[in-house]
Amino acid sequence: MFITLLIPWTSIVAMQLIVAGEEFPVSDFEPQYCLATSRRANAHYVYSEEDLLAKYSQQFKVKKIMPAAFAELQGDYLYMLTTPSRQEMEQMIADFGQRQP
């Protein structure tokens, strides 16, 4: 299994400063929650993809089609969204995952 780790440039600079014994820089951006959630192509959800992308258009960052090797375990489509609110993130989780009875 291969794991890809993406580290923002600001984090790399901060790590270098900490190792060098320098003071940690103050962050100049608002902390964000990042949600990575997936859906299956053959499942029937309460909300369509179009409805969700319209509702969360400001939070939506990317949609990826998962490779077949991962799709069986993780879902066919990966969606990534960001929000400063944990409550909104929890609502996104519910909205993206809610299946029709």
C-alpha atoms as a PDB file:
ATOM      1  CA  MET A   1       0.000   0.000   0.000  1.00  0.00           C
ATOM      2  CA  PHE A   2       1.271   3.467  -0.889  1.00  0.00           C
ATOM      3  CA  ILE A   3       0.307   6.558   1.062  1.00  0.00           C
ATOM      4  CA  THR A   4       0.572  10.034  -0.404  1.00  0.00           C
ATOM      5  CA  LEU A   5       1.131  12.808   2.100  1.00  0.00           C
ATOM      6  CA  LEU A   6       0.493  16.371   1.044  1.00  0.00           C
ATOM      7  CA  ILE A   7       2.032  18.990   3.300  1.00  0.00           C
ATOM      8  CA  PRO A   8       1.346  22.685   2.691  1.00  0.00           C
ATOM      9  CA  TRP A   9       4.436  24.786   2.032  1.00  0.00           C
ATOM     10  CA  THR A  10       3.778  26.888   5.137  1.00  0.00           C
ATOM     11  CA  SER A  11       3.964  23.720   7.246  1.00  0.00           C
ATOM     12  CA  ILE A  12       7.331  22.770   5.761  1.00  0.00           C
ATOM     13  CA  VAL A  13       8.716  26.244   6.499  1.00  0.00           C
ATOM     14  CA  ALA A  14       7.322  26.071  10.040  1.00  0.00           C
ATOM     15  CA  MET A  15       8.951  22.658  10.613  1.00  0.00           C
ATOM     16  CA  GLN A  16      12.291  23.999   9.400  1.00  0.00           C
ATOM     17  CA  LEU A  17      12.053  26.928  11.822  1.00  0.00           C
ATOM     18  CA  ILE A  18      11.207  24.652  14.748  1.00  0.00           C
ATOM     19  CA  VAL A  19      14.148  22.371  13.957  1.00  0.00           C
ATOM     20  CA  ALA A  20      16.392  25.437  13.726  1.00  0.00           C
ATOM     21  CA  GLY A  21      15.208  26.553  17.176  1.00  0.00           C
ATOM     22  CA  GLU A  22      13.474  29.641  15.854  1.00  0.00           C
ATOM     23  CA  GLU A  23      10.083  30.904  16.962  1.00  0.00           C
ATOM     24  CA  PHE A  24       7.003  29.338  15.340  1.00  0.00           C
ATOM     25  CA  PRO A  25       5.396  31.796  12.870  1.00  0.00           C
ATOM     26  CA  VAL A  26       1.875  33.064  13.476  1.00  0.00           C
ATOM     27  CA  SER A  27      -0.622  31.673  10.999  1.00  0.00           C
ATOM     28  CA  ASP A  28      -2.180  34.257   8.692  1.00  0.00           C
ATOM     29  CA  PHE A  29      -5.120  32.137   7.538  1.00  0.00           C
ATOM     30  CA  GLU A  30      -8.304  30.865   9.146  1.00  0.00           C
ATOM     31  CA  PRO A  31      -8.142  27.213  10.245  1.00  0.00           C
ATOM     32  CA  GLN A  32     -10.383  24.976   8.153  1.00  0.00           C
ATOM     33  CA  TYR A  33     -11.889  21.536   8.539  1.00  0.00           C
ATOM     34  CA  CYS A  34     -11.343  19.414   5.441  1.00  0.00           C
ATOM     35  CA  LEU A  35     -13.844  16.698   4.615  1.00  0.00           C
ATOM     36  CA  ALA A  36     -12.935  13.889   2.241  1.00  0.00           C
ATOM     37  CA  THR A  37     -16.035  11.792   1.637  1.00  0.00           C
ATOM     38  CA  SER A  38     -17.006   9.289  -1.002  1.00  0.00           C
ATOM     39  CA  ARG A  39     -20.078   7.925  -2.747  1.00  0.00           C
ATOM     40  CA  ARG A  40     -20.842   4.776  -4.687  1.00  0.00           C
ATOM     41  CA  ALA A  41     -22.046   4.951  -8.282  1.00  0.00           C
ATOM     42  CA  ASN A  42     -24.686   2.247  -7.773  1.00  0.00           C
ATOM     43  CA  ALA A  43     -26.188   3.630  -4.526  1.00  0.00           C
ATOM     44  CA  HIS A  44     -29.295   5.816  -4.348  1.00  0.00           C
ATOM     45  CA  TYR A  45     -28.839   8.881  -2.163  1.00  0.00           C
ATOM     46  CA  VAL A  46     -31.387  11.333  -0.774  1.00  0.00           C
ATOM     47  CA  TYR A  47     -29.524  14.278  -2.315  1.00  0.00           C
ATOM     48  CA  SER A  48     -28.231  14.233  -5.877  1.00  0.00           C
ATOM     49  CA  GLU A  49     -24.672  15.217  -6.631  1.00  0.00           C
ATOM     50  CA  GLU A  50     -25.997  18.327  -8.403  1.00  0.00           C
ATOM     51  CA  ASP A  51     -27.999  19.370  -5.320  1.00  0.00           C
ATOM     52  CA  LEU A  52     -25.005  18.925  -3.020  1.00  0.00           C
ATOM     53  CA  LEU A  53     -22.563  20.751  -5.264  1.00  0.00           C
ATOM     54  CA  ALA A  54     -25.040  23.634  -5.543  1.00  0.00           C
ATOM     55  CA  LYS A  55     -25.602  23.708  -1.757  1.00  0.00           C
ATOM     56  CA  TYR A  56     -21.884  23.549  -0.954  1.00  0.00           C
ATOM     57  CA  SER A  57     -20.476  25.406  -3.970  1.00  0.00           C
ATOM     58  CA  GLN A  58     -18.334  27.693  -1.775  1.00  0.00           C
ATOM     59  CA  GLN A  59     -16.936  24.777   0.226  1.00  0.00           C
ATOM     60  CA  PHE A  60     -16.412  22.341  -2.658  1.00  0.00           C
ATOM     61  CA  LYS A  61     -12.773  21.861  -3.712  1.00  0.00           C
ATOM     62  CA  VAL A  62     -12.483  18.736  -5.871  1.00  0.00           C
ATOM     63  CA  LYS A  63     -14.199  15.596  -7.143  1.00  0.00           C
ATOM     64  CA  LYS A  64     -12.085  12.603  -8.152  1.00  0.00           C
ATOM     65  CA  ILE A  65     -13.054   9.340  -9.776  1.00  0.00           C
ATOM     66  CA  MET A  66     -11.439   6.660  -7.663  1.00  0.00           C
ATOM     67  CA  PRO A  67      -9.240   4.026  -9.341  1.00  0.00           C
ATOM     68  CA  ALA A  68     -10.907   0.605  -9.455  1.00  0.00           C
ATOM     69  CA  ALA A  69      -8.359  -0.772  -6.978  1.00  0.00           C
ATOM     70  CA  PHE A  70      -9.650   1.647  -4.305  1.00  0.00           C
ATOM     71  CA  ALA A  71     -13.283   2.055  -5.372  1.00  0.00           C
ATOM     72  CA  GLU A  72     -14.424  -1.273  -3.975  1.00  0.00           C
ATOM     73  CA  LEU A  73     -13.399  -0.275  -0.447  1.00  0.00           C
ATOM     74  CA  GLN A  74     -13.653   3.508  -0.564  1.00  0.00           C
ATOM     75  CA  GLY A  75     -16.384   4.350  -3.067  1.00  0.00           C
ATOM     76  CA  ASP A  76     -16.398   5.368  -6.714  1.00  0.00           C
ATOM     77  CA  TYR A  77     -16.225   9.150  -6.268  1.00  0.00           C
ATOM     78  CA  LEU A  78     -14.213  11.184  -3.773  1.00  0.00           C
ATOM     79  CA  TYR A  79     -15.331  14.693  -2.818  1.00  0.00           C
ATOM     80  CA  MET A  80     -13.237  17.168  -0.849  1.00  0.00           C
ATOM     81  CA  LEU A  81     -14.756  20.183   0.879  1.00  0.00           C
ATOM     82  CA  THR A  82     -13.524  22.712   3.443  1.00  0.00           C
ATOM     83  CA  THR A  83     -15.329  24.746   6.073  1.00  0.00           C
ATOM     84  CA  PRO A  84     -14.371  26.735   9.180  1.00  0.00           C
ATOM     85  CA  SER A  85     -17.361  25.228  11.036  1.00  0.00           C
ATOM     86  CA  ARG A  86     -17.371  21.771  12.581  1.00  0.00           C
ATOM     87  CA  GLN A  87     -21.165  21.891  12.673  1.00  0.00           C
ATOM     88  CA  GLU A  88     -21.291  22.535   8.913  1.00  0.00           C
ATOM     89  CA  MET A  89     -18.796  19.722   8.325  1.00  0.00           C
ATOM     90  CA  GLU A  90     -21.043  17.322  10.249  1.00  0.00           C
ATOM     91  CA  GLN A  91     -24.001  18.462   8.126  1.00  0.00           C
ATOM     92  CA  MET A  92     -21.975  17.821   4.961  1.00  0.00           C
ATOM     93  CA  ILE A  93     -21.185  14.293   6.195  1.00  0.00           C
ATOM     94  CA  ALA A  94     -24.882  13.640   6.779  1.00  0.00           C
ATOM     95  CA  ASP A  95     -25.952  15.149   3.452  1.00  0.00           C
ATOM     96  CA  PHE A  96     -23.411  13.296   1.320  1.00  0.00           C
ATOM     97  CA  GLY A  97     -23.986   9.952   3.045  1.00  0.00           C
ATOM     98  CA  GLN A  98     -27.749   9.832   3.481  1.00  0.00           C
ATOM     99  CA  ARG A  99     -29.158   7.007   1.351  1.00  0.00           C
ATOM    100  CA  GLN A 100     -32.718   6.526   0.236  1.00  0.00           C
ATOM    101  CA  PRO A 101     -34.594   3.855   2.208  1.00  0.00           C
END
